[in-house]
Amino acid sequence: MSDEDAEVHDSSGNIFEDMGMADAGERLAKAELARVIRKIVRERELTQSEAAALLGVKQPDVSDLMRGKLARFSMERLERFLNALDMEVRIQVGPRPEGKIQAGVTVELVESF
């Protein structure tokens, strides 16, 4: 396919939604939670074995998490991991933003509470 044949589309802000995947909002939220966990593990310069001990899992689970293989990780499990890393997880519920077609789940990292 040449550059002239390529189609370009605006993103919705959710790659999973753009790809037509089921549960796109939850998939994006899990990916964002995992991104925060990876960020903390790297900032603290933890080995995968050290991170596994902190999170209460085996090292291969941390490897999957660090590589973005999230199928075996529920939102609740990722939230527990964040708690184990001394991170507060806050859940806010509100009306669907105007202009948004479907309500969803979003994740935002707050640097200080």
C-alpha atoms as a PDB file:
ATOM      1  CA  MET A   1       0.000   0.000   0.000  1.00  0.00           C
ATOM      2  CA  SER A   2       1.449   3.374  -0.955  1.00  0.00           C
ATOM      3  CA  ASP A   3       1.182   6.526   1.145  1.00  0.00           C
ATOM      4  CA  GLU A   4      -1.365   7.827  -1.351  1.00  0.00           C
ATOM      5  CA  ASP A   5      -3.664   4.844  -0.650  1.00  0.00           C
ATOM      6  CA  ALA A   6      -3.451   5.119   3.151  1.00  0.00           C
ATOM      7  CA  GLU A   7      -6.521   6.377   4.968  1.00  0.00           C
ATOM      8  CA  VAL A   8      -6.121   8.539   8.030  1.00  0.00           C
ATOM      9  CA  HIS A   9      -8.834   8.743  10.686  1.00  0.00           C
ATOM     10  CA  ASP A  10      -9.142  10.930  13.756  1.00  0.00           C
ATOM     11  CA  SER A  11      -8.751   9.036  17.016  1.00  0.00           C
ATOM     12  CA  SER A  12     -11.499   8.913  19.590  1.00  0.00           C
ATOM     13  CA  GLY A  13      -8.791   8.954  22.264  1.00  0.00           C
ATOM     14  CA  ASN A  14      -9.308   5.253  22.912  1.00  0.00           C
ATOM     15  CA  ILE A  15      -7.394   2.922  20.592  1.00  0.00           C
ATOM     16  CA  PHE A  16      -9.532  -0.024  21.684  1.00  0.00           C
ATOM     17  CA  GLU A  17     -12.695   1.838  20.655  1.00  0.00           C
ATOM     18  CA  ASP A  18     -11.074   2.874  17.368  1.00  0.00           C
ATOM     19  CA  MET A  19     -10.376  -0.801  16.688  1.00  0.00           C
ATOM     20  CA  GLY A  20     -14.000  -1.733  17.459  1.00  0.00           C
ATOM     21  CA  MET A  21     -13.085  -3.913  20.434  1.00  0.00           C
ATOM     22  CA  ALA A  22     -15.656  -4.904  23.057  1.00  0.00           C
ATOM     23  CA  ASP A  23     -15.328  -3.256  26.487  1.00  0.00           C
ATOM     24  CA  ALA A  24     -13.086  -0.546  25.037  1.00  0.00           C
ATOM     25  CA  GLY A  25     -13.436   1.720  28.080  1.00  0.00           C
ATOM     26  CA  GLU A  26     -12.445  -1.005  30.520  1.00  0.00           C
ATOM     27  CA  ARG A  27      -9.549  -2.094  28.315  1.00  0.00           C
ATOM     28  CA  LEU A  28      -8.211   1.452  28.214  1.00  0.00           C
ATOM     29  CA  ALA A  29      -8.634   1.849  31.989  1.00  0.00           C
ATOM     30  CA  LYS A  30      -6.721  -1.391  32.620  1.00  0.00           C
ATOM     31  CA  ALA A  31      -3.970  -0.259  30.270  1.00  0.00           C
ATOM     32  CA  GLU A  32      -3.724   3.064  32.104  1.00  0.00           C
ATOM     33  CA  LEU A  33      -3.597   1.366  35.529  1.00  0.00           C
ATOM     34  CA  ALA A  34      -0.856  -0.933  34.251  1.00  0.00           C
ATOM     35  CA  ARG A  35       1.010   2.081  32.841  1.00  0.00           C
ATOM     36  CA  VAL A  36       1.001   3.708  36.285  1.00  0.00           C
ATOM     37  CA  ILE A  37       2.235   0.479  37.911  1.00  0.00           C
ATOM     38  CA  ARG A  38       5.054   0.185  35.340  1.00  0.00           C
ATOM     39  CA  LYS A  39       5.989   3.826  35.942  1.00  0.00           C
ATOM     40  CA  ILE A  40       6.249   3.293  39.716  1.00  0.00           C
ATOM     41  CA  VAL A  41       8.261   0.070  39.353  1.00  0.00           C
ATOM     42  CA  ARG A  42      10.719   1.816  37.019  1.00  0.00           C
ATOM     43  CA  GLU A  43      10.970   4.987  39.136  1.00  0.00           C
ATOM     44  CA  ARG A  44      11.747   2.892  42.215  1.00  0.00           C
ATOM     45  CA  GLU A  45      14.229   0.860  40.160  1.00  0.00           C
ATOM     46  CA  LEU A  46      12.690  -2.404  41.358  1.00  0.00           C
ATOM     47  CA  THR A  47      13.678  -5.675  39.763  1.00  0.00           C
ATOM     48  CA  GLN A  48      10.800  -7.841  38.604  1.00  0.00           C
ATOM     49  CA  SER A  49      11.493 -10.171  41.528  1.00  0.00           C
ATOM     50  CA  GLU A  50      11.352  -7.280  44.007  1.00  0.00           C
ATOM     51  CA  ALA A  51       8.148  -5.985  42.436  1.00  0.00           C
ATOM     52  CA  ALA A  52       6.642  -9.483  42.563  1.00  0.00           C
ATOM     53  CA  ALA A  53       7.384  -9.731  46.287  1.00  0.00           C
ATOM     54  CA  LEU A  54       5.749  -6.339  46.915  1.00  0.00           C
ATOM     55  CA  LEU A  55       2.695  -7.193  44.811  1.00  0.00           C
ATOM     56  CA  GLY A  56       2.312 -10.713  46.194  1.00  0.00           C
ATOM     57  CA  VAL A  57       2.637 -12.420  42.807  1.00  0.00           C
ATOM     58  CA  LYS A  58       5.252 -14.450  40.961  1.00  0.00           C
ATOM     59  CA  GLN A  59       7.898 -12.844  38.766  1.00  0.00           C
ATOM     60  CA  PRO A  60       6.326 -14.086  35.480  1.00  0.00           C
ATOM     61  CA  ASP A  61       3.155 -12.165  36.416  1.00  0.00           C
ATOM     62  CA  VAL A  62       5.213  -8.985  36.763  1.00  0.00           C
ATOM     63  CA  SER A  63       6.844  -9.743  33.418  1.00  0.00           C
ATOM     64  CA  ASP A  64       3.408  -9.997  31.771  1.00  0.00           C
ATOM     65  CA  LEU A  65       2.316  -6.773  33.451  1.00  0.00           C
ATOM     66  CA  MET A  66       5.432  -4.906  32.336  1.00  0.00           C
ATOM     67  CA  ARG A  67       4.938  -6.099  28.742  1.00  0.00           C
ATOM     68  CA  GLY A  68       1.273  -5.059  28.671  1.00  0.00           C
ATOM     69  CA  LYS A  69      -0.143  -8.587  28.654  1.00  0.00           C
ATOM     70  CA  LEU A  70      -3.191  -7.746  30.752  1.00  0.00           C
ATOM     71  CA  ALA A  71      -5.730 -10.478  29.959  1.00  0.00           C
ATOM     72  CA  ARG A  72      -5.235 -12.187  33.343  1.00  0.00           C
ATOM     73  CA  PHE A  73      -5.404  -8.947  35.350  1.00  0.00           C
ATOM     74  CA  SER A  74      -8.758  -7.573  36.491  1.00  0.00           C
ATOM     75  CA  MET A  75      -9.272  -3.912  37.339  1.00  0.00           C
ATOM     76  CA  GLU A  76      -9.579  -4.906  41.001  1.00  0.00           C
ATOM     77  CA  ARG A  77      -6.284  -6.794  40.914  1.00  0.00           C
ATOM     78  CA  LEU A  78      -4.491  -3.846  39.320  1.00  0.00           C
ATOM     79  CA  GLU A  79      -5.991  -1.577  41.981  1.00  0.00           C
ATOM     80  CA  ARG A  80      -4.656  -3.914  44.710  1.00  0.00           C
ATOM     81  CA  PHE A  81      -1.222  -3.738  43.081  1.00  0.00           C
ATOM     82  CA  LEU A  82      -1.353   0.049  43.273  1.00  0.00           C
ATOM     83  CA  ASN A  83      -2.311  -0.131  46.953  1.00  0.00           C
ATOM     84  CA  ALA A  84       0.630  -2.488  47.548  1.00  0.00           C
ATOM     85  CA  LEU A  85       2.835   0.205  45.978  1.00  0.00           C
ATOM     86  CA  ASP A  86       1.444   2.730  48.509  1.00  0.00           C
ATOM     87  CA  MET A  87      -0.765   4.427  45.947  1.00  0.00           C
ATOM     88  CA  GLU A  88      -4.244   5.628  46.849  1.00  0.00           C
ATOM     89  CA  VAL A  89      -6.886   4.613  44.323  1.00  0.00           C
ATOM     90  CA  ARG A  90      -9.901   6.912  44.158  1.00  0.00           C
ATOM     91  CA  ILE A  91     -12.999   6.123  42.158  1.00  0.00           C
ATOM     92  CA  GLN A  92     -15.176   9.017  41.076  1.00  0.00           C
ATOM     93  CA  VAL A  93     -18.588   8.629  39.521  1.00  0.00           C
ATOM     94  CA  GLY A  94     -20.306  11.350  37.523  1.00  0.00           C
ATOM     95  CA  PRO A  95     -22.592  11.950  34.574  1.00  0.00           C
ATOM     96  CA  ARG A  96     -21.405  11.185  31.056  1.00  0.00           C
ATOM     97  CA  PRO A  97     -19.588  14.223  29.644  1.00  0.00           C
ATOM     98  CA  GLU A  98     -21.558  16.219  27.104  1.00  0.00           C
ATOM     99  CA  GLY A  99     -20.654  15.227  23.584  1.00  0.00           C
ATOM    100  CA  LYS A 100     -19.449  11.777  24.589  1.00  0.00           C
ATOM    101  CA  ILE A 101     -21.547   9.068  22.945  1.00  0.00           C
ATOM    102  CA  GLN A 102     -21.173   6.446  25.666  1.00  0.00           C
ATOM    103  CA  ALA A 103     -20.231   6.636  29.333  1.00  0.00           C
ATOM    104  CA  GLY A 104     -16.961   4.914  30.172  1.00  0.00           C
ATOM    105  CA  VAL A 105     -14.130   4.514  32.637  1.00  0.00           C
ATOM    106  CA  THR A 106     -11.089   6.767  32.736  1.00  0.00           C
ATOM    107  CA  VAL A 107      -7.882   6.699  34.767  1.00  0.00           C
ATOM    108  CA  GLU A 108      -5.950   9.788  35.801  1.00  0.00           C
ATOM    109  CA  LEU A 109      -2.679   9.862  37.713  1.00  0.00           C
ATOM    110  CA  VAL A 110      -2.674  12.570  40.366  1.00  0.00           C
ATOM    111  CA  GLU A 111       0.826  13.566  41.422  1.00  0.00           C
ATOM    112  CA  SER A 112      -0.275  14.609  44.929  1.00  0.00           C
ATOM    113  CA  PHE A 113      -3.513  14.412  46.849  1.00  0.00           C
END
